[in-house]
Amino acid sequence: MRLLSSSLAPLALVAALAVSAPALAQEAPVAAASAPAPQGEPRLIVAISVDQFSADLFAQYREHFTRGFTRLLQGAVFPSGFQSHAATETCPGHSTLLTGVHPSRTGITANSWYQPGIARAEKEVYCVEDETNPRSTPDNPVVSPAHLKAPTLGDLMKKRNPATINAAVSAKDRAAVMMSGHDTDAVYWIGAKGFTTFENRRISKAAETENAVMAKRVAAGDGPLAVPGWCGSVDRATPIKDFTIGTYRFPLAAGDFKSYANGPRVDTATAEMAVRMVDELGMGKDAVPDVLSVSFSATDKVGHAFGTEGVEMCIQMNVLDEAIGSLFDALDARGIDYEVVLSADHGGFDAPERQKLRGNPDATRIDPALTAGKLAAAVSQDTGVTVKNGPLLYGAGEAGSVWFSSELTAGQKQKVMAALVARLKANPQIAAVYTQDQIMQWPQPKGNPQDWTMEQKVRASFVPGRSGEVQMLTVRGVVPGEAKPFKVASHGSPWDYDRRVPMLFWRKGMTGFEQPTPVETVDIAPTLAATVGLTAPAGTWDGRCLDIDAGEADSCRR
């Protein structure tokens, strides 16, 4: 047994975000050591995802947490969890968390993909979009879980007992939908003016109440967020082109809902909405276990806008810790026996301009020659092949996948593919290039995710008919996308800074430990299934049950 001992520095709470809603009563965290050992099935599973919460961020800030993470650090701590696949984006990452299978089986290969032959002008398809609905577009989707091919833990628990409540909330639709699945009681995400849900459902009183609270806050505006004292070392400007990052404090202009929804404050609203859902749905009140999925999106929004190593992320870590702590306090106040897991959909990489100042000379932005437009022009020059309607190639660049125009004949496609592969292999920023025919010859990967080859990572992400017919993988340190104000960093690579995430489990009374052995996010679903006594046929999961009991008992054999 490895008992966690960590000296946690004091942390000033963010006064501007002090939770005032009655649903989030503040109470001191209950020490795990002082509570009796957990008995039987918990009444509520709380599955938390922190979008873009890399293992590196967790390691960097864990000593400063004093609220929600302090509770989690008393439980089972796996600092080296892996989103094992190559396509480290939000939708595929969230699809693994409660299905227990890799994206090659969830069907979610990316946040969006292209279907060049689809009968609409827009060929891009969003991962939670019902593209068969004529009113749906990738930017304004009719949201649906239809693309998810695997059942979630909530789906399986409701199949076992329809009395199970399966609910989810996030600022992002794709996060809430991927974690909750198909058979749901309530699913909410942030829309144009507040929390919204599927178009065939009405928002509930809980959502109306939280939306009113948010509207009042936005209308009033707010000053800069407080900066904890331990943020001093990262509170410095880094120049990028004609702007800087590293010193922004998230002031909120009156009426600016977009800034509210894309900054740290949205995590506070997400936690509040989660508690309102628990109350409204009566979650955790009877002997049938329920599932509440909560995805906190602001870490990803801050990471993209400002990178991971400035005062912006330091402020965000403080607000996140407070939001999670407030959620736990509210559940404690209601006397609910709950078990928590926290992980992430993917990691992230800092802006290369700051990376270079901090000892990483290889960090750089992606070569513009790798965008679909530039590649298409070069391939047309090499082959003489053009198309009459639309582009020759879709994707590339940030996507890492390339799709071909549906106008191409089989012979033309073969010619274009050969030229494209040659162009990509000649580019020094490309680590590997694979075609669909190559990828589909490889078996599904097994073994330690830390040791997977590039081919294994790609195979775990690949979905025929959705993934591009050519996969391009950039070398370590290449950041996709051009630098712009409020868009300086990203993720999506096959490298460990994007793949490695923490996995933390906690329940009142459990004996905590820390285990450095690499584990996978697909292990979460079978681990929680054992907790609630759910059995499933062999092959249901790609992952394995983790024994999160530090004593002689095996939590996988209850």
Protein backbone atom coordinates (compact mmCIF):
# COMPACT_ATOMS: atom_id res chain seq x y z
CA MET A 1 0.00 0.00 0.00
CA ARG A 2 1.34 3.47 -0.94
CA LEU A 3 -0.09 6.18 1.27
CA LEU A 4 -0.08 9.64 -0.28
CA SER A 5 1.56 12.32 1.84
CA SER A 6 1.55 15.77 0.33
CA SER A 7 2.15 19.14 1.93
CA LEU A 8 -0.47 21.42 0.44
CA ALA A 9 0.21 25.14 0.46
CA PRO A 10 -2.52 27.55 1.58
CA LEU A 11 -4.63 28.99 -1.21
CA ALA A 12 -6.64 32.20 -1.20
CA LEU A 13 -10.09 31.66 -2.63
CA VAL A 14 -11.19 33.67 -5.63
CA ALA A 15 -13.54 36.19 -4.05
CA ALA A 16 -15.09 37.12 -7.36
CA LEU A 17 -16.22 33.55 -7.81
CA ALA A 18 -17.38 32.79 -4.29
CA VAL A 19 -20.43 30.63 -4.79
CA SER A 20 -23.57 32.32 -3.56
CA ALA A 21 -26.20 29.92 -4.86
CA PRO A 22 -28.04 28.06 -2.09
CA ALA A 23 -27.41 24.80 -3.96
CA LEU A 24 -23.69 25.04 -3.22
CA ALA A 25 -23.45 25.25 0.55
CA GLN A 26 -19.84 25.47 1.72
CA GLU A 27 -18.59 22.90 4.19
CA ALA A 28 -15.12 21.71 5.12
CA PRO A 29 -14.02 18.60 3.21
CA VAL A 30 -14.44 15.35 5.08
CA ALA A 31 -11.11 13.69 5.76
CA ALA A 32 -11.04 10.22 4.26
CA ALA A 33 -9.11 8.77 7.17
CA SER A 34 -11.77 9.80 9.70
CA ALA A 35 -14.69 8.20 7.86
CA PRO A 36 -15.68 4.54 7.98
CA ALA A 37 -14.67 2.34 5.07
CA PRO A 38 -17.18 2.36 2.20
CA GLN A 39 -19.76 -0.41 2.31
CA GLY A 40 -21.78 -1.73 -0.61
CA GLU A 41 -22.57 0.17 -3.77
CA PRO A 42 -22.37 3.96 -3.79
CA ARG A 43 -25.66 5.75 -4.47
CA LEU A 44 -24.08 8.07 -7.01
CA ILE A 45 -21.17 7.84 -9.43
CA VAL A 46 -19.71 11.29 -10.15
CA ALA A 47 -17.58 11.10 -13.30
CA ILE A 48 -15.57 14.28 -13.79
CA SER A 49 -13.60 15.23 -16.86
CA VAL A 50 -11.35 18.28 -16.97
CA ASP A 51 -10.89 19.21 -20.61
CA GLN A 52 -7.18 19.49 -21.57
CA PHE A 53 -6.01 18.59 -18.05
CA SER A 54 -2.67 16.99 -18.81
CA ALA A 55 -0.66 14.94 -16.35
CA ASP A 56 1.89 17.76 -16.60
CA LEU A 57 -0.62 20.35 -15.35
CA PHE A 58 -1.68 18.02 -12.55
CA ALA A 59 1.94 17.55 -11.46
CA GLN A 60 2.67 21.27 -11.70
CA TYR A 61 -0.27 22.43 -9.57
CA ARG A 62 -1.12 19.56 -7.23
CA GLU A 63 0.87 21.04 -4.33
CA HIS A 64 -1.21 24.24 -4.49
CA PHE A 65 -4.68 22.71 -4.46
CA THR A 66 -6.66 23.16 -1.24
CA ARG A 67 -10.28 22.39 -2.20
CA GLY A 68 -11.66 19.74 -4.55
CA PHE A 69 -8.35 18.22 -5.53
CA THR A 70 -7.32 17.93 -1.89
CA ARG A 71 -10.21 15.51 -1.48
CA LEU A 72 -9.23 13.55 -4.58
CA LEU A 73 -5.58 13.34 -3.54
CA GLN A 74 -6.72 11.33 -0.51
CA GLY A 75 -8.01 8.59 -2.79
CA ALA A 76 -6.50 6.34 -5.43
CA VAL A 77 -4.12 8.45 -7.51
CA PHE A 78 -2.90 7.29 -10.91
CA PRO A 79 -0.73 10.16 -12.22
CA SER A 80 0.07 8.35 -15.47
CA GLY A 81 -3.27 7.66 -17.12
CA PHE A 82 -3.36 7.53 -20.89
CA GLN A 83 -5.73 8.53 -23.60
CA SER A 84 -3.86 5.89 -25.55
CA HIS A 85 -4.90 6.81 -29.08
CA ALA A 86 -3.28 9.26 -31.52
CA ALA A 87 -6.26 11.57 -32.17
CA THR A 88 -6.11 13.46 -28.87
CA GLU A 89 -9.15 15.69 -29.29
CA THR A 90 -12.16 16.45 -27.10
CA CYS A 91 -14.79 14.24 -28.69
CA PRO A 92 -12.75 11.01 -29.02
CA GLY A 93 -11.22 11.53 -25.59
CA HIS A 94 -14.57 11.97 -23.89
CA SER A 95 -15.90 8.96 -25.79
CA THR A 96 -13.40 6.67 -24.03
CA LEU A 97 -14.06 7.81 -20.46
CA LEU A 98 -17.29 5.93 -19.72
CA THR A 99 -17.48 3.46 -22.62
CA GLY A 100 -14.26 1.67 -21.72
CA VAL A 101 -13.26 1.31 -25.38
CA HIS A 102 -10.89 3.13 -27.71
CA PRO A 103 -12.12 5.54 -30.42
CA SER A 104 -11.77 2.80 -33.05
CA ARG A 105 -14.75 1.18 -31.30
CA THR A 106 -16.63 4.25 -30.09
CA GLY A 107 -16.70 5.45 -33.70
CA ILE A 108 -15.53 8.91 -32.64
CA THR A 109 -12.32 9.47 -34.55
CA ALA A 110 -12.15 13.26 -34.12
CA ASN A 111 -14.16 16.34 -33.18
CA SER A 112 -15.34 16.36 -36.78
CA TRP A 113 -14.62 14.55 -40.00
CA TYR A 114 -15.37 14.94 -43.69
CA GLN A 115 -17.78 13.05 -45.91
CA PRO A 116 -16.99 14.45 -49.39
CA GLY A 117 -19.94 12.62 -50.94
CA ILE A 118 -22.57 13.83 -48.49
CA ALA A 119 -25.61 15.46 -50.12
CA ARG A 120 -25.18 18.93 -48.66
CA ALA A 121 -22.91 21.87 -49.39
CA GLU A 122 -21.01 21.52 -46.09
CA LYS A 123 -18.96 18.31 -46.21
CA GLU A 124 -17.73 18.49 -42.64
CA VAL A 125 -19.64 16.44 -40.05
CA TYR A 126 -19.53 17.30 -36.35
CA CYS A 127 -19.13 14.39 -33.93
CA VAL A 128 -22.43 15.00 -32.10
CA GLU A 129 -24.38 16.26 -35.10
CA ASP A 130 -27.41 14.69 -36.74
CA GLU A 131 -26.30 15.51 -40.26
CA THR A 132 -29.44 13.88 -41.68
CA ASN A 133 -31.42 16.83 -40.34
CA PRO A 134 -31.49 19.53 -43.06
CA ARG A 135 -31.25 22.27 -40.42
CA SER A 136 -28.01 20.93 -38.99
CA THR A 137 -24.53 22.28 -39.78
CA PRO A 138 -21.18 21.66 -38.06
CA ASP A 139 -21.24 25.18 -36.61
CA ASN A 140 -24.90 25.06 -35.58
CA PRO A 141 -25.61 21.37 -35.10
CA VAL A 142 -28.76 19.52 -34.25
CA VAL A 143 -27.12 17.68 -31.39
CA SER A 144 -27.41 13.88 -31.23
CA PRO A 145 -25.49 10.91 -29.77
CA ALA A 146 -26.09 8.89 -32.96
CA HIS A 147 -22.41 8.71 -33.97
CA LEU A 148 -21.40 7.05 -30.68
CA LYS A 149 -21.23 3.31 -31.39
CA ALA A 150 -20.53 2.02 -27.87
CA PRO A 151 -22.72 2.11 -24.75
CA THR A 152 -21.62 4.23 -21.82
CA LEU A 153 -21.61 3.11 -18.21
CA GLY A 154 -24.86 5.04 -17.74
CA ASP A 155 -26.41 3.25 -20.72
CA LEU A 156 -25.46 -0.14 -19.28
CA MET A 157 -26.68 0.73 -15.79
CA LYS A 158 -30.03 1.92 -17.15
CA LYS A 159 -30.31 -1.27 -19.21
CA ARG A 160 -29.80 -3.27 -16.03
CA ASN A 161 -32.26 -1.14 -14.07
CA PRO A 162 -34.29 1.61 -15.78
CA ALA A 163 -34.57 3.37 -12.42
CA THR A 164 -30.94 4.45 -12.73
CA ILE A 165 -30.63 8.17 -13.47
CA ASN A 166 -28.05 9.04 -16.14
CA ALA A 167 -27.33 12.78 -16.40
CA ALA A 168 -24.53 15.00 -17.70
CA VAL A 169 -23.53 18.66 -17.84
CA SER A 170 -20.70 20.58 -19.51
CA ALA A 171 -20.02 23.84 -21.28
CA LYS A 172 -19.46 21.68 -24.40
CA ASP A 173 -22.17 19.65 -26.09
CA ARG A 174 -19.73 16.98 -27.30
CA ALA A 175 -18.38 16.43 -23.78
CA ALA A 176 -21.80 16.01 -22.16
CA VAL A 177 -23.12 13.77 -24.94
CA MET A 178 -20.06 11.50 -25.13
CA MET A 179 -20.01 10.88 -21.38
CA SER A 180 -23.75 10.27 -20.98
CA GLY A 181 -24.48 8.26 -24.12
CA HIS A 182 -27.82 7.30 -25.62
CA ASP A 183 -30.24 6.55 -22.75
CA THR A 184 -30.24 9.73 -20.69
CA ASP A 185 -32.48 11.56 -18.25
CA ALA A 186 -30.93 15.02 -18.56
CA VAL A 187 -28.05 16.39 -20.64
CA TYR A 188 -27.06 20.06 -20.62
CA TRP A 189 -24.41 22.22 -22.27
CA ILE A 190 -23.86 25.93 -22.84
CA GLY A 191 -25.60 27.37 -25.88
CA ALA A 192 -25.91 30.93 -27.16
CA LYS A 193 -27.51 32.28 -23.99
CA GLY A 194 -27.08 29.63 -21.31
CA PHE A 195 -27.60 25.95 -20.63
CA THR A 196 -29.54 24.13 -23.32
CA THR A 197 -30.34 20.54 -24.26
CA PHE A 198 -31.54 18.35 -27.15
CA GLU A 199 -34.06 20.02 -29.41
CA ASN A 200 -36.78 17.50 -28.57
CA ARG A 201 -36.54 18.31 -24.86
CA ARG A 202 -37.50 21.38 -22.88
CA ILE A 203 -34.99 22.84 -20.49
CA SER A 204 -35.97 22.20 -16.90
CA LYS A 205 -36.55 24.54 -13.98
CA ALA A 206 -33.01 23.81 -12.80
CA ALA A 207 -31.56 25.04 -16.09
CA GLU A 208 -33.85 28.06 -16.14
CA THR A 209 -32.72 28.99 -12.65
CA GLU A 210 -29.01 28.64 -13.42
CA ASN A 211 -29.44 30.55 -16.67
CA ALA A 212 -31.04 33.39 -14.75
CA VAL A 213 -28.11 33.43 -12.30
CA MET A 214 -25.63 33.53 -15.19
CA ALA A 215 -27.56 36.25 -17.00
CA LYS A 216 -27.48 38.42 -13.88
CA ARG A 217 -23.72 37.94 -13.50
CA VAL A 218 -23.05 38.68 -17.16
CA ALA A 219 -25.26 41.77 -17.13
CA ALA A 220 -23.40 43.15 -14.11
CA GLY A 221 -19.93 42.37 -15.43
CA ASP A 222 -16.96 41.74 -13.18
CA GLY A 223 -13.43 42.89 -12.56
CA PRO A 224 -10.26 40.86 -13.09
CA LEU A 225 -10.08 37.52 -11.32
CA ALA A 226 -7.89 37.24 -8.25
CA VAL A 227 -4.36 35.91 -8.73
CA PRO A 228 -3.16 33.50 -6.01
CA GLY A 229 0.25 34.33 -4.57
CA TRP A 230 1.76 31.14 -5.92
CA CYS A 231 1.11 32.32 -9.50
CA GLY A 232 3.91 34.89 -9.37
CA SER A 233 6.47 32.83 -11.28
CA VAL A 234 4.20 32.52 -14.33
CA ASP A 235 2.82 36.07 -14.26
CA ARG A 236 4.91 37.53 -17.07
CA ALA A 237 4.28 38.58 -20.66
CA THR A 238 5.40 36.53 -23.65
CA PRO A 239 5.28 38.30 -27.02
CA ILE A 240 3.63 36.58 -30.01
CA LYS A 241 3.56 38.65 -33.19
CA ASP A 242 1.87 41.94 -32.22
CA PHE A 243 0.24 40.72 -28.98
CA THR A 244 1.27 39.08 -25.72
CA ILE A 245 0.11 36.25 -23.48
CA GLY A 246 0.84 35.47 -19.86
CA THR A 247 -0.72 38.32 -17.88
CA TYR A 248 -4.47 38.30 -18.68
CA ARG A 249 -6.82 38.23 -15.68
CA PHE A 250 -10.24 37.68 -17.29
CA PRO A 251 -12.08 40.96 -16.69
CA LEU A 252 -15.73 40.60 -17.68
CA ALA A 253 -17.37 43.49 -19.50
CA ALA A 254 -21.05 43.95 -18.73
CA GLY A 255 -23.15 41.90 -21.17
CA ASP A 256 -20.22 39.89 -22.60
CA PHE A 257 -21.64 36.36 -22.45
CA LYS A 258 -19.02 35.00 -24.88
CA SER A 259 -16.17 35.90 -22.53
CA TYR A 260 -18.09 34.43 -19.60
CA ALA A 261 -18.64 31.14 -21.43
CA ASN A 262 -15.03 30.90 -22.61
CA GLY A 263 -13.25 31.69 -19.35
CA PRO A 264 -12.84 30.26 -15.84
CA ARG A 265 -16.25 31.44 -14.63
CA VAL A 266 -18.01 28.83 -16.76
CA ASP A 267 -16.60 26.05 -14.57
CA THR A 268 -18.32 27.59 -11.56
CA ALA A 269 -21.61 27.64 -13.48
CA THR A 270 -21.08 24.01 -14.51
CA ALA A 271 -20.62 22.93 -10.90
CA GLU A 272 -23.72 24.87 -9.85
CA MET A 273 -25.77 23.31 -12.64
CA ALA A 274 -24.58 19.84 -11.64
CA VAL A 275 -25.90 20.35 -8.10
CA ARG A 276 -29.21 21.72 -9.35
CA MET A 277 -29.57 18.58 -11.49
CA VAL A 278 -28.87 16.33 -8.50
CA ASP A 279 -31.66 18.06 -6.58
CA GLU A 280 -34.13 18.22 -9.45
CA LEU A 281 -33.67 14.59 -10.50
CA GLY A 282 -33.36 13.21 -6.98
CA MET A 283 -30.00 11.63 -7.72
CA GLY A 284 -28.38 9.45 -5.08
CA LYS A 285 -31.58 9.19 -3.03
CA ASP A 286 -32.49 5.53 -3.38
CA ALA A 287 -30.76 2.15 -3.52
CA VAL A 288 -30.35 2.23 -7.31
CA PRO A 289 -26.99 3.82 -8.23
CA ASP A 290 -27.08 6.87 -10.51
CA VAL A 291 -24.46 8.43 -12.78
CA LEU A 292 -23.67 12.15 -12.96
CA SER A 293 -21.10 13.16 -15.60
CA VAL A 294 -19.55 16.61 -15.23
CA SER A 295 -17.08 17.91 -17.79
CA PHE A 296 -15.31 21.15 -16.87
CA SER A 297 -14.38 22.90 -20.13
CA ALA A 298 -12.57 26.08 -19.08
CA THR A 299 -9.09 24.54 -18.82
CA ASP A 300 -9.27 23.72 -22.52
CA LYS A 301 -10.62 27.15 -23.42
CA VAL A 302 -7.86 28.86 -21.44
CA GLY A 303 -5.21 26.52 -22.86
CA HIS A 304 -6.16 27.29 -26.44
CA ALA A 305 -6.47 31.03 -25.85
CA PHE A 306 -3.37 31.64 -23.71
CA GLY A 307 -1.34 28.42 -23.52
CA THR A 308 -0.66 26.32 -20.44
CA GLU A 309 2.16 28.16 -18.69
CA GLY A 310 0.99 31.73 -17.99
CA VAL A 311 -0.91 33.37 -15.18
CA GLU A 312 -4.12 32.62 -17.09
CA MET A 313 -3.78 28.89 -16.49
CA CYS A 314 -2.70 29.46 -12.91
CA ILE A 315 -5.90 31.43 -12.27
CA GLN A 316 -7.90 28.70 -14.01
CA MET A 317 -6.42 25.94 -11.82
CA ASN A 318 -7.47 27.90 -8.75
CA VAL A 319 -11.03 28.43 -10.00
CA LEU A 320 -11.31 24.77 -11.08
CA ASP A 321 -10.18 23.54 -7.66
CA GLU A 322 -12.78 25.77 -6.01
CA ALA A 323 -15.56 24.65 -8.39
CA ILE A 324 -14.87 20.96 -7.76
CA GLY A 325 -14.68 21.57 -4.03
CA SER A 326 -18.04 23.35 -4.07
CA LEU A 327 -19.60 20.39 -5.89
CA PHE A 328 -18.28 17.98 -3.27
CA ASP A 329 -19.44 20.22 -0.42
CA ALA A 330 -22.96 20.28 -1.84
CA LEU A 331 -23.09 16.49 -2.18
CA ASP A 332 -21.79 16.10 1.38
CA ALA A 333 -24.45 18.48 2.68
CA ARG A 334 -27.11 16.28 1.09
CA GLY A 335 -25.73 13.15 2.76
CA ILE A 336 -25.19 11.34 -0.53
CA ASP A 337 -22.85 8.33 -0.63
CA TYR A 338 -20.94 9.06 -3.83
CA GLU A 339 -17.84 7.79 -5.60
CA VAL A 340 -15.80 10.11 -7.79
CA VAL A 341 -13.48 9.57 -10.71
CA LEU A 342 -11.65 12.48 -12.32
CA SER A 343 -9.67 12.31 -15.54
CA ALA A 344 -9.33 14.20 -18.82
CA ASP A 345 -10.09 13.86 -22.51
CA HIS A 346 -6.54 14.81 -23.55
CA GLY A 347 -3.54 16.87 -22.48
CA GLY A 348 -2.10 19.95 -24.11
CA PHE A 349 1.04 21.78 -25.20
CA ASP A 350 2.05 25.34 -24.48
CA ALA A 351 2.50 28.06 -27.11
CA PRO A 352 5.78 27.38 -28.95
CA GLU A 353 6.92 30.97 -28.55
CA ARG A 354 6.99 30.48 -24.77
CA GLN A 355 8.29 26.93 -25.10
CA LYS A 356 11.40 28.27 -26.84
CA LEU A 357 12.02 30.72 -24.01
CA ARG A 358 11.82 27.81 -21.58
CA GLY A 359 14.40 25.48 -23.01
CA ASN A 360 12.54 23.79 -25.87
CA PRO A 361 14.19 24.97 -29.11
CA ASP A 362 12.29 22.37 -31.17
CA ALA A 363 8.83 23.79 -30.42
CA THR A 364 7.35 25.36 -33.54
CA ARG A 365 4.15 25.99 -35.47
CA ILE A 366 2.96 23.76 -38.25
CA ASP A 367 4.27 24.42 -41.74
CA PRO A 368 1.60 26.22 -43.84
CA ALA A 369 2.55 23.85 -46.67
CA LEU A 370 0.73 21.11 -44.69
CA THR A 371 -2.71 22.74 -44.97
CA ALA A 372 -5.24 21.09 -47.28
CA GLY A 373 -5.20 23.97 -49.75
CA LYS A 374 -1.41 24.07 -50.11
CA LEU A 375 -1.15 20.29 -50.34
CA ALA A 376 -3.93 20.13 -52.93
CA ALA A 377 -2.20 22.72 -55.11
CA ALA A 378 1.10 20.86 -54.89
CA VAL A 379 -0.48 17.47 -55.61
CA SER A 380 -2.38 18.88 -58.60
CA GLN A 381 0.89 20.27 -59.91
CA ASP A 382 2.55 16.88 -59.44
CA THR A 383 -0.24 14.82 -61.03
CA GLY A 384 -2.24 17.12 -63.25
CA VAL A 385 -5.41 15.98 -61.45
CA THR A 386 -8.04 18.60 -60.59
CA VAL A 387 -11.75 18.51 -59.73
CA LYS A 388 -14.59 20.72 -60.96
CA ASN A 389 -16.48 21.15 -57.69
CA GLY A 390 -15.03 21.78 -54.25
CA PRO A 391 -11.49 21.10 -53.08
CA LEU A 392 -9.31 18.18 -54.13
CA LEU A 393 -8.39 17.45 -50.50
CA TYR A 394 -10.13 17.99 -47.17
CA GLY A 395 -8.63 18.10 -43.70
CA ALA A 396 -4.82 17.97 -43.32
CA GLY A 397 -3.16 20.66 -41.20
CA GLU A 398 -4.71 20.64 -37.73
CA ALA A 399 -6.89 17.63 -38.59
CA GLY A 400 -4.05 15.18 -39.13
CA SER A 401 -6.32 13.31 -41.55
CA VAL A 402 -6.81 13.79 -45.29
CA TRP A 403 -9.96 12.99 -47.25
CA PHE A 404 -10.27 13.01 -51.06
CA SER A 405 -12.85 14.61 -53.33
CA SER A 406 -15.69 12.27 -54.21
CA GLU A 407 -15.27 13.27 -57.88
CA LEU A 408 -12.05 11.31 -58.23
CA THR A 409 -12.07 8.04 -60.13
CA ALA A 410 -10.32 5.06 -58.54
CA GLY A 411 -7.32 5.61 -60.79
CA GLN A 412 -7.15 9.32 -60.02
CA LYS A 413 -7.42 8.69 -56.30
CA GLN A 414 -4.56 6.21 -56.40
CA LYS A 415 -2.42 8.72 -58.31
CA VAL A 416 -3.30 11.59 -55.96
CA MET A 417 -2.71 9.47 -52.87
CA ALA A 418 0.76 8.41 -54.03
CA ALA A 419 1.72 12.03 -54.72
CA LEU A 420 0.31 13.21 -51.40
CA VAL A 421 2.17 10.55 -49.42
CA ALA A 422 5.40 11.48 -51.19
CA ARG A 423 4.89 15.17 -50.42
CA LEU A 424 4.17 14.47 -46.76
CA LYS A 425 7.13 12.14 -46.27
CA ALA A 426 9.43 14.80 -47.72
CA ASN A 427 8.32 17.39 -45.14
CA PRO A 428 10.63 17.49 -42.07
CA GLN A 429 7.67 18.18 -39.75
CA ILE A 430 6.06 14.84 -40.57
CA ALA A 431 6.97 11.90 -38.34
CA ALA A 432 4.86 9.26 -40.11
CA VAL A 433 2.30 8.84 -42.91
CA TYR A 434 -0.13 5.93 -43.23
CA THR A 435 -2.88 5.02 -45.66
CA GLN A 436 -6.15 3.35 -44.73
CA ASP A 437 -5.11 0.10 -46.40
CA GLN A 438 -2.00 -0.04 -44.22
CA ILE A 439 -3.83 0.82 -41.01
CA MET A 440 -6.57 -1.75 -41.44
CA GLN A 441 -3.99 -4.53 -41.62
CA TRP A 442 -2.86 -3.84 -38.07
CA PRO A 443 -4.49 -5.56 -35.06
CA GLN A 444 -6.15 -3.60 -32.30
CA PRO A 445 -3.39 -2.60 -29.83
CA LYS A 446 -2.81 -4.15 -26.44
CA GLY A 447 -0.22 -3.80 -23.71
CA ASN A 448 1.26 -0.87 -21.82
CA PRO A 449 0.00 2.37 -23.43
CA GLN A 450 3.23 4.15 -22.55
CA ASP A 451 5.10 1.81 -24.87
CA TRP A 452 2.74 1.82 -27.84
CA THR A 453 4.23 2.38 -31.27
CA MET A 454 2.97 5.12 -33.56
CA GLU A 455 1.11 2.46 -35.53
CA GLN A 456 -0.71 1.23 -32.41
CA LYS A 457 -1.74 4.77 -31.44
CA VAL A 458 -3.12 5.39 -34.93
CA ARG A 459 -4.97 2.07 -35.07
CA ALA A 460 -6.72 2.83 -31.76
CA SER A 461 -8.10 6.03 -33.34
CA PHE A 462 -9.01 4.79 -36.79
CA VAL A 463 -12.62 4.37 -37.93
CA PRO A 464 -13.10 3.34 -41.58
CA GLY A 465 -15.52 5.64 -43.36
CA ARG A 466 -14.93 8.44 -40.86
CA SER A 467 -11.16 8.70 -40.54
CA GLY A 468 -9.25 10.23 -43.43
CA GLU A 469 -7.83 7.84 -46.00
CA VAL A 470 -4.36 9.23 -45.24
CA GLN A 471 -3.12 9.93 -41.72
CA MET A 472 -0.29 12.44 -41.20
CA LEU A 473 1.50 12.59 -37.83
CA THR A 474 3.69 15.58 -37.01
CA VAL A 475 6.99 15.38 -35.13
CA ARG A 476 7.18 16.17 -31.44
CA GLY A 477 6.82 19.85 -30.61
CA VAL A 478 4.81 20.96 -33.67
CA VAL A 479 1.76 23.00 -32.67
CA PRO A 480 -1.13 22.98 -35.16
CA GLY A 481 -2.70 26.26 -36.20
CA GLU A 482 -1.59 29.81 -36.80
CA ALA A 483 -1.11 32.06 -33.76
CA LYS A 484 -3.89 34.60 -33.27
CA PRO A 485 -5.16 36.58 -30.28
CA PHE A 486 -7.09 34.14 -28.09
CA LYS A 487 -5.80 31.16 -30.10
CA VAL A 488 -2.16 30.34 -29.45
CA ALA A 489 -1.92 26.67 -28.47
CA SER A 490 -3.55 23.32 -29.18
CA HIS A 491 -3.41 19.55 -28.88
CA GLY A 492 -4.22 16.52 -31.03
CA SER A 493 -0.79 14.94 -31.42
CA PRO A 494 0.27 11.33 -30.72
CA TRP A 495 2.88 12.49 -28.20
CA ASP A 496 2.66 11.94 -24.47
CA TYR A 497 2.09 15.60 -23.59
CA ASP A 498 -1.28 15.18 -25.33
CA ARG A 499 -1.93 11.56 -24.33
CA ARG A 500 -1.00 11.45 -20.64
CA VAL A 501 -3.66 12.50 -18.12
CA PRO A 502 -4.26 11.90 -14.39
CA MET A 503 -6.86 9.41 -13.14
CA LEU A 504 -8.12 9.93 -9.59
CA PHE A 505 -10.72 7.88 -7.67
CA TRP A 506 -12.24 8.82 -4.31
CA ARG A 507 -14.98 7.64 -1.98
CA LYS A 508 -15.49 8.56 1.65
CA GLY A 509 -13.64 6.12 3.90
CA MET A 510 -11.38 4.60 1.26
CA THR A 511 -7.69 4.24 2.03
CA GLY A 512 -5.71 6.33 -0.40
CA PHE A 513 -2.61 5.35 -2.34
CA GLU A 514 -0.61 6.47 -5.34
CA GLN A 515 0.27 4.11 -8.19
CA PRO A 516 2.70 5.33 -10.88
CA THR A 517 2.14 2.37 -13.22
CA PRO A 518 0.61 3.56 -16.53
CA VAL A 519 -3.12 2.94 -16.85
CA GLU A 520 -5.69 3.88 -19.51
CA THR A 521 -8.86 5.95 -19.50
CA VAL A 522 -10.62 2.88 -20.92
CA ASP A 523 -9.99 1.31 -17.50
CA ILE A 524 -12.41 3.74 -15.85
CA ALA A 525 -15.67 2.15 -17.00
CA PRO A 526 -14.86 -1.42 -15.88
CA THR A 527 -13.50 -0.07 -12.58
CA LEU A 528 -16.71 1.83 -11.84
CA ALA A 529 -18.82 -1.07 -13.10
CA ALA A 530 -17.27 -3.28 -10.43
CA THR A 531 -18.08 -0.62 -7.82
CA VAL A 532 -21.80 -0.75 -8.66
CA GLY A 533 -21.89 -4.52 -9.18
CA LEU A 534 -22.43 -4.34 -12.94
CA THR A 535 -21.23 -7.32 -14.96
CA ALA A 536 -20.83 -7.31 -18.73
CA PRO A 537 -19.95 -9.93 -21.34
CA ALA A 538 -16.31 -10.50 -22.23
CA GLY A 539 -15.18 -8.02 -24.87
CA THR A 540 -17.45 -5.24 -23.66
CA TRP A 541 -14.44 -3.14 -22.68
CA ASP A 542 -10.95 -2.61 -24.03
CA GLY A 543 -9.85 -1.62 -20.53
CA ARG A 544 -9.50 -3.57 -17.30
CA CYS A 545 -10.81 -3.10 -13.80
CA LEU A 546 -8.35 -1.34 -11.49
CA ASP A 547 -8.22 -2.41 -7.86
CA ILE A 548 -8.74 0.91 -6.05
CA ASP A 549 -8.86 -0.67 -2.58
CA ALA A 550 -5.48 -0.29 -0.86
CA GLY A 551 -6.29 -3.04 1.64
CA GLU A 552 -6.50 -6.81 1.29
CA ALA A 553 -9.90 -6.65 -0.43
CA ASP A 554 -10.05 -6.46 -4.21
CA SER A 555 -12.49 -3.81 -5.41
CA CYS A 556 -12.76 -5.65 -8.73
CA ARG A 557 -14.21 -8.73 -6.99
CA ARG A 558 -16.93 -7.39 -4.74
